[in-house]
Amino acid sequence: MAVGISLEHLTKTFVKDKNEFRAVDDVHLALNPGELVTFLGPSGCGKTTTLRMIAGFETPSAGRILFDGRDVTDIQVNRRDIGFVFQNYALFPHMTIHDNVAYGLRARKHPDASIRAKVRESLDLVGLPGVEGRYPNQLSGGEQQRVALARVLALEPQVLLMDEPLSNLDAKLRIHMRTEIRRIQKQLGLTCLYVTHDQKEALTLADRIVVMNKGRVEQIDTPFELYANPATLFVADFIGQANVLPALAADGPADYLPVTCYGRQYAVRYLRDRTYTKNGAVSLVVRPESLRLGAPTAATLPGTVQLRTFVGDRLEYEIALPDGKVIHVEEPYMIGVPVHEEGEAVGVIVSPADIVALPG
């Protein structure tokens, strides 16, 4: 049965050369039973340390970890009923696939007949029937990762923890494996926490994403909300690509926030829990695919094409605005659609509904 997980003011401080470094800084969040949550952020942001504290491999400096309300902060790893899939697979090269998957079951003294049945069931679940007699070096990287997952699933954990499990695979195999992981997680109804620095992986897999930066949580939300309504400039830039335009709030917020940007007036979306003041500086976040190019008019932002790149299904442009700021525009490529040349003066068409304003 899946469990809910709560982290209450979780903190981890390391000491190196008599200097303290706070790797995880007052993380507070709740994960629902059966939910797949990804921890996303750059290297060193604290995501793996958070996962290791939940697993019991690291001891928190402060805060609590709760499984369905039960405090497991000081409970040993083998009593938390978790399964951990490592980045490097951690298979025993001298053991057959059967013995690798059976390893944890034997440690728990399951009967031999039960072990054989559970190994077959787990390998079937990950799409590897009939490989029990092979050795890890006889399998591909993707197959080895599936064996590592089968070994964990054989123990029927309540919580599945995965630390960048696909980082050693090639791009095509990663796409296939993340689909398989999502299928298995949903089929079993497991609560799953998944660490990655790959935004596409996070967006594809997650029910919700925890974006971390410098040990702190920047935003927790669904992939759709994170992309459409980033709460900070860090999130806007880390999730996808974002153009950030300087503007002034022309008035206080109402249903929309009136702003002035390069002399143009817009009424845009804004964050209801933030403070916006009349004539106060704001940053307008707009995605490259939300912009379009046309002829310069009084209603468009004036710009010049600096660079055009053809990538098959779309055209990517770098557009210089009057103050020298460069923004990115992506347009789908279709036969008959005008293609703009480098050096050409263009008008950037902005839809206010596609903009979100952040204070400052």
Protein backbone atom coordinates (compact mmCIF):
# COMPACT_ATOMS: atom_id res chain seq x y z
CA MET A 1 0.00 0.00 0.00
CA ALA A 2 1.39 3.39 -1.01
CA VAL A 3 2.28 5.86 1.72
CA GLY A 4 2.29 9.64 1.95
CA ILE A 5 5.57 11.33 2.83
CA SER A 6 6.00 14.57 4.75
CA LEU A 7 9.21 16.52 5.14
CA GLU A 8 9.11 19.03 7.98
CA HIS A 9 11.80 21.73 7.94
CA LEU A 10 14.35 19.20 6.71
CA THR A 11 17.92 20.51 6.90
CA LYS A 12 21.32 18.98 6.25
CA THR A 13 24.58 20.76 7.09
CA PHE A 14 28.01 19.41 6.18
CA VAL A 15 31.28 20.61 7.72
CA LYS A 16 34.41 20.80 5.57
CA ASP A 17 37.67 22.38 6.69
CA LYS A 18 35.83 23.81 9.72
CA ASN A 19 33.36 25.59 7.41
CA GLU A 20 29.66 24.74 7.43
CA PHE A 21 27.79 24.17 4.19
CA ARG A 22 24.01 23.84 4.22
CA ALA A 23 23.21 21.37 1.44
CA VAL A 24 19.49 21.22 2.27
CA ASP A 25 17.93 24.28 3.84
CA ASP A 26 14.57 24.04 5.65
CA VAL A 27 12.71 21.91 3.09
CA HIS A 28 9.03 21.52 3.94
CA LEU A 29 6.67 19.58 1.66
CA ALA A 30 4.04 16.82 1.54
CA LEU A 31 3.87 14.01 -1.03
CA ASN A 32 0.62 12.14 -1.66
CA PRO A 33 0.29 8.34 -1.62
CA GLY A 34 0.82 6.89 -5.10
CA GLU A 35 2.29 10.13 -6.44
CA LEU A 36 5.40 10.34 -8.60
CA VAL A 37 7.35 13.44 -7.63
CA THR A 38 10.60 14.51 -9.26
CA PHE A 39 13.27 16.58 -7.55
CA LEU A 40 14.74 18.79 -10.24
CA GLY A 41 17.63 21.23 -10.13
CA PRO A 42 21.27 21.85 -11.08
CA SER A 43 24.17 19.90 -9.63
CA GLY A 44 24.72 20.74 -5.96
CA CYS A 45 21.18 22.02 -5.35
CA GLY A 46 20.45 19.44 -2.60
CA LYS A 47 18.11 17.07 -4.44
CA THR A 48 20.17 13.90 -3.98
CA THR A 49 20.96 14.74 -0.36
CA THR A 50 17.22 15.14 0.27
CA LEU A 51 16.55 11.74 -1.33
CA ARG A 52 19.30 10.09 0.73
CA MET A 53 17.83 11.49 3.95
CA ILE A 54 14.41 10.10 3.02
CA ALA A 55 16.07 6.72 2.38
CA GLY A 56 18.02 6.83 5.64
CA PHE A 57 21.50 6.98 4.08
CA GLU A 58 22.03 10.48 5.52
CA THR A 59 20.99 11.77 8.93
CA PRO A 60 19.22 15.15 8.95
CA SER A 61 20.81 17.98 10.88
CA ALA A 62 17.31 19.21 11.71
CA GLY A 63 13.69 18.49 10.81
CA ARG A 64 11.60 15.34 10.50
CA ILE A 65 10.65 12.72 7.89
CA LEU A 66 7.19 11.16 8.21
CA PHE A 67 5.72 8.15 6.39
CA ASP A 68 1.92 8.29 6.76
CA GLY A 69 2.42 10.37 9.89
CA ARG A 70 4.97 7.95 11.41
CA ASP A 71 8.28 9.57 12.26
CA VAL A 72 11.05 7.61 10.51
CA THR A 73 13.79 10.24 10.88
CA ASP A 74 15.95 8.04 13.13
CA ILE A 75 14.83 4.63 11.84
CA GLN A 76 17.40 2.45 10.05
CA VAL A 77 17.33 2.05 6.27
CA ASN A 78 16.23 -1.59 6.35
CA ARG A 79 13.20 -0.75 8.49
CA ARG A 80 11.78 2.02 6.26
CA ASP A 81 10.31 -0.29 3.58
CA ILE A 82 11.88 1.68 0.73
CA GLY A 83 13.42 0.59 -2.55
CA PHE A 84 16.37 2.58 -3.91
CA VAL A 85 17.47 2.48 -7.57
CA PHE A 86 20.99 3.84 -7.98
CA GLN A 87 22.54 5.69 -10.90
CA ASN A 88 25.19 2.99 -11.50
CA TYR A 89 22.79 -0.03 -11.32
CA ALA A 90 24.90 -1.70 -8.52
CA LEU A 91 24.48 -5.20 -9.95
CA PHE A 92 26.79 -8.02 -8.84
CA PRO A 93 28.81 -8.95 -11.97
CA HIS A 94 29.61 -12.50 -10.74
CA MET A 95 25.94 -13.37 -10.12
CA THR A 96 23.30 -14.38 -12.64
CA ILE A 97 20.34 -12.09 -13.21
CA HIS A 98 18.22 -14.49 -11.15
CA ASP A 99 20.60 -14.24 -8.20
CA ASN A 100 20.86 -10.45 -8.50
CA VAL A 101 17.08 -10.03 -8.35
CA ALA A 102 16.79 -12.68 -5.62
CA TYR A 103 19.50 -11.13 -3.43
CA GLY A 104 17.22 -9.08 -1.17
CA LEU A 105 14.62 -11.84 -0.94
CA ARG A 106 17.26 -14.32 0.24
CA ALA A 107 18.51 -11.80 2.80
CA ARG A 108 14.94 -11.73 4.13
CA LYS A 109 14.92 -15.56 4.19
CA HIS A 110 12.05 -16.10 1.75
CA PRO A 111 11.48 -19.74 0.70
CA ASP A 112 13.20 -20.83 -2.53
CA ALA A 113 9.94 -21.51 -4.38
CA SER A 114 8.63 -18.06 -3.44
CA ILE A 115 11.90 -16.47 -4.58
CA ARG A 116 11.79 -18.16 -8.00
CA ALA A 117 8.21 -17.03 -8.55
CA LYS A 118 8.92 -13.47 -7.40
CA VAL A 119 12.02 -13.18 -9.62
CA ARG A 120 10.03 -14.29 -12.68
CA GLU A 121 7.18 -11.91 -11.81
CA SER A 122 9.54 -8.93 -11.33
CA LEU A 123 11.44 -9.57 -14.56
CA ASP A 124 8.15 -9.93 -16.45
CA LEU A 125 7.03 -6.61 -14.99
CA VAL A 126 10.07 -4.77 -16.38
CA GLY A 127 9.83 -6.52 -19.75
CA LEU A 128 12.74 -8.98 -19.36
CA PRO A 129 11.27 -12.50 -19.26
CA GLY A 130 13.67 -15.41 -19.64
CA VAL A 131 16.97 -13.69 -18.78
CA GLU A 132 17.41 -15.33 -15.36
CA GLY A 133 20.44 -17.40 -16.43
CA ARG A 134 22.41 -14.54 -17.98
CA TYR A 135 25.02 -12.31 -16.34
CA PRO A 136 24.96 -8.48 -16.21
CA ASN A 137 27.74 -8.11 -18.82
CA GLN A 138 25.57 -10.04 -21.30
CA LEU A 139 22.87 -7.35 -21.15
CA SER A 140 22.69 -3.83 -22.57
CA GLY A 141 22.77 -0.77 -20.33
CA GLY A 142 19.01 -0.38 -20.57
CA GLU A 143 18.46 -4.04 -19.70
CA GLN A 144 20.79 -3.76 -16.71
CA GLN A 145 18.81 -0.77 -15.49
CA ARG A 146 15.62 -2.84 -15.76
CA VAL A 147 17.23 -5.62 -13.71
CA ALA A 148 18.18 -3.08 -11.03
CA LEU A 149 14.55 -1.93 -10.98
CA ALA A 150 13.27 -5.54 -10.87
CA ARG A 151 15.51 -6.28 -7.86
CA VAL A 152 13.92 -3.39 -5.97
CA LEU A 153 10.36 -4.22 -7.04
CA ALA A 154 10.76 -7.84 -5.95
CA LEU A 155 10.86 -6.60 -2.33
CA GLU A 156 7.46 -4.86 -2.77
CA PRO A 157 8.52 -1.56 -1.17
CA GLN A 158 6.00 1.08 -0.11
CA VAL A 159 8.24 3.86 -1.41
CA LEU A 160 10.40 3.81 -4.55
CA LEU A 161 13.39 6.19 -4.60
CA MET A 162 15.38 6.72 -7.81
CA ASP A 163 18.58 8.77 -8.10
CA GLU A 164 19.22 9.78 -11.73
CA PRO A 165 18.69 6.17 -12.89
CA LEU A 166 18.79 6.96 -16.62
CA SER A 167 21.81 9.25 -16.77
CA ASN A 168 24.11 6.52 -18.15
CA LEU A 169 21.81 5.64 -21.07
CA ASP A 170 21.74 7.12 -24.56
CA ALA A 171 19.02 9.62 -25.47
CA LYS A 172 16.70 7.22 -27.32
CA LEU A 173 16.85 4.59 -24.59
CA ARG A 174 16.22 7.20 -21.90
CA ILE A 175 12.96 8.19 -23.59
CA HIS A 176 11.84 4.54 -23.68
CA MET A 177 12.89 3.80 -20.10
CA ARG A 178 11.18 6.83 -18.57
CA THR A 179 7.95 5.68 -20.24
CA GLU A 180 8.44 2.21 -18.76
CA ILE A 181 9.16 3.59 -15.28
CA ARG A 182 5.99 5.67 -15.39
CA ARG A 183 3.95 2.66 -16.55
CA ILE A 184 5.30 0.41 -13.78
CA GLN A 185 4.86 3.06 -11.08
CA LYS A 186 1.23 3.62 -12.07
CA GLN A 187 0.52 -0.09 -12.39
CA LEU A 188 1.81 -0.78 -8.87
CA GLY A 189 0.51 2.45 -7.33
CA LEU A 190 3.86 3.18 -5.68
CA THR A 191 4.81 6.46 -4.09
CA CYS A 192 7.91 7.39 -6.07
CA LEU A 193 10.53 10.10 -5.62
CA TYR A 194 12.79 10.59 -8.60
CA VAL A 195 15.90 12.79 -8.73
CA THR A 196 17.02 14.26 -12.04
CA HIS A 197 18.73 17.31 -13.52
CA ASP A 198 17.02 16.69 -16.88
CA GLN A 199 13.98 18.94 -17.25
CA LYS A 200 12.41 16.87 -20.04
CA GLU A 201 12.66 13.77 -17.88
CA ALA A 202 10.98 15.59 -15.00
CA LEU A 203 8.20 17.05 -17.16
CA THR A 204 7.48 13.67 -18.76
CA LEU A 205 7.43 11.58 -15.59
CA ALA A 206 6.08 13.69 -12.79
CA ASP A 207 2.71 14.29 -11.21
CA ARG A 208 4.47 17.18 -9.48
CA ILE A 209 7.96 18.65 -9.67
CA VAL A 210 10.01 20.05 -6.79
CA VAL A 211 12.44 22.61 -8.24
CA MET A 212 15.44 23.12 -5.95
CA ASN A 213 18.20 25.71 -5.94
CA LYS A 214 21.02 26.13 -3.42
CA GLY A 215 19.39 23.77 -0.94
CA ARG A 216 15.97 25.41 -0.96
CA VAL A 217 12.70 24.69 -2.72
CA GLU A 218 11.95 27.32 -5.35
CA GLN A 219 8.54 25.94 -6.40
CA ILE A 220 6.42 22.78 -6.13
CA ASP A 221 3.77 22.30 -8.79
CA THR A 222 2.49 20.24 -11.70
CA PRO A 223 4.58 20.29 -14.88
CA PHE A 224 1.91 22.40 -16.60
CA GLU A 225 1.82 25.02 -13.83
CA LEU A 226 5.59 25.23 -13.55
CA TYR A 227 5.91 25.89 -17.26
CA ALA A 228 3.01 28.33 -17.58
CA ASN A 229 3.28 30.09 -14.21
CA PRO A 230 6.85 30.02 -12.86
CA ALA A 231 7.05 31.55 -9.40
CA THR A 232 10.64 32.81 -9.74
CA LEU A 233 13.04 33.79 -12.50
CA PHE A 234 15.16 30.75 -11.62
CA VAL A 235 12.23 28.40 -12.29
CA ALA A 236 11.32 30.25 -15.49
CA ASP A 237 14.86 29.86 -16.79
CA PHE A 238 15.43 26.28 -15.58
CA ILE A 239 12.14 24.84 -16.87
CA GLY A 240 12.34 25.23 -20.63
CA GLN A 241 13.63 28.45 -22.15
CA ALA A 242 12.29 31.84 -21.13
CA ASN A 243 12.54 35.40 -22.39
CA VAL A 244 12.58 37.94 -19.56
CA LEU A 245 11.52 41.46 -20.57
CA PRO A 246 11.85 44.54 -18.34
CA ALA A 247 8.62 46.46 -17.72
CA LEU A 248 6.87 48.83 -15.32
CA ALA A 249 3.52 48.24 -13.67
CA ALA A 250 1.30 51.03 -15.02
CA ASP A 251 -1.16 50.56 -12.14
CA GLY A 252 -1.90 48.24 -9.25
CA PRO A 253 -3.14 44.70 -10.07
CA ALA A 254 -6.78 43.80 -10.67
CA ASP A 255 -7.91 40.83 -12.76
CA TYR A 256 -4.77 41.50 -14.82
CA LEU A 257 -1.71 43.66 -14.26
CA PRO A 258 -1.34 46.61 -16.66
CA VAL A 259 2.29 47.04 -17.68
CA THR A 260 4.42 49.11 -20.05
CA CYS A 261 7.16 47.27 -21.96
CA TYR A 262 9.31 49.06 -24.57
CA GLY A 263 6.57 51.67 -24.89
CA ARG A 264 3.83 49.05 -25.52
CA GLN A 265 0.90 48.51 -23.17
CA TYR A 266 -0.18 45.04 -22.04
CA ALA A 267 -2.52 43.58 -19.42
CA VAL A 268 -0.83 40.39 -18.20
CA ARG A 269 -1.15 37.55 -15.71
CA TYR A 270 0.56 37.91 -12.35
CA LEU A 271 1.16 35.94 -9.13
CA ARG A 272 -1.61 36.63 -6.63
CA ASP A 273 0.62 36.02 -3.59
CA ARG A 274 3.19 38.67 -4.58
CA THR A 275 3.23 42.44 -4.13
CA TYR A 276 3.05 44.71 -7.18
CA THR A 277 3.06 48.51 -6.94
CA LYS A 278 2.22 51.26 -9.41
CA ASN A 279 5.34 52.27 -11.38
CA GLY A 280 7.17 49.36 -9.78
CA ALA A 281 9.60 47.29 -11.84
CA VAL A 282 8.41 43.89 -13.04
CA SER A 283 9.92 41.13 -15.17
CA LEU A 284 7.75 39.71 -17.93
CA VAL A 285 8.32 36.02 -18.62
CA VAL A 286 7.29 34.74 -22.06
CA ARG A 287 8.25 31.49 -23.78
CA PRO A 288 9.91 31.52 -27.24
CA GLU A 289 7.10 29.47 -28.80
CA SER A 290 4.52 32.03 -27.60
CA LEU A 291 6.04 34.78 -29.76
CA ARG A 292 5.50 35.36 -33.47
CA LEU A 293 7.26 37.52 -36.04
CA GLY A 294 5.66 39.87 -38.54
CA ALA A 295 6.04 43.30 -40.05
CA PRO A 296 6.95 46.11 -37.62
CA THR A 297 3.85 48.01 -36.42
CA ALA A 298 2.93 50.27 -33.52
CA ALA A 299 1.49 47.22 -31.72
CA THR A 300 4.60 45.01 -31.99
CA LEU A 301 7.99 45.09 -30.31
CA PRO A 302 10.59 46.38 -32.81
CA GLY A 303 13.49 44.05 -33.40
CA THR A 304 16.14 42.84 -35.85
CA VAL A 305 16.87 39.22 -36.76
CA GLN A 306 20.38 38.43 -35.56
CA LEU A 307 20.41 34.70 -36.15
CA ARG A 308 18.09 32.18 -37.80
CA THR A 309 18.44 28.42 -37.26
CA PHE A 310 16.45 25.75 -39.12
CA VAL A 311 15.92 22.60 -37.01
CA GLY A 312 13.46 20.67 -39.19
CA ASP A 313 10.05 21.16 -37.64
CA ARG A 314 10.66 24.75 -36.54
CA LEU A 315 12.70 27.90 -37.05
CA GLU A 316 14.59 29.40 -34.13
CA TYR A 317 15.36 33.11 -34.21
CA GLU A 318 17.50 35.40 -32.08
CA ILE A 319 15.96 38.88 -32.15
CA ALA A 320 17.77 42.01 -30.97
CA LEU A 321 15.48 44.61 -29.35
CA PRO A 322 16.20 48.38 -29.53
CA ASP A 323 18.26 48.37 -26.31
CA GLY A 324 20.40 45.44 -27.51
CA LYS A 325 18.62 42.80 -25.43
CA VAL A 326 18.36 39.50 -27.35
CA ILE A 327 15.23 37.36 -27.14
CA HIS A 328 14.43 33.96 -28.65
CA VAL A 329 11.48 33.19 -30.90
CA GLU A 330 10.44 29.74 -32.13
CA GLU A 331 8.02 29.33 -35.03
CA PRO A 332 6.77 26.08 -36.56
CA TYR A 333 8.12 25.52 -40.04
CA MET A 334 5.56 24.88 -42.75
CA ILE A 335 5.85 25.25 -46.51
CA GLY A 336 4.47 28.64 -47.50
CA VAL A 337 5.06 30.30 -44.13
CA PRO A 338 7.31 33.40 -44.45
CA VAL A 339 10.92 32.89 -43.39
CA HIS A 340 12.69 35.93 -42.00
CA GLU A 341 16.24 36.70 -43.03
CA GLU A 342 19.16 37.68 -40.81
CA GLY A 343 19.42 41.48 -40.63
CA GLU A 344 15.71 41.93 -41.37
CA ALA A 345 13.65 44.40 -39.30
CA VAL A 346 10.68 42.59 -37.75
CA GLY A 347 7.87 43.15 -35.31
CA VAL A 348 7.60 40.71 -32.40
CA ILE A 349 3.95 39.84 -31.79
CA VAL A 350 3.23 39.26 -28.10
CA SER A 351 -0.02 37.80 -26.78
CA PRO A 352 -0.69 39.17 -23.25
CA ALA A 353 -2.30 35.85 -22.24
CA ASP A 354 1.08 34.14 -22.70
CA ILE A 355 2.94 36.50 -20.35
CA VAL A 356 3.33 36.20 -16.59
CA ALA A 357 4.72 39.14 -14.57
CA LEU A 358 7.12 38.63 -11.66
CA PRO A 359 7.94 41.47 -9.23
CA GLY A 360 11.29 43.20 -9.57
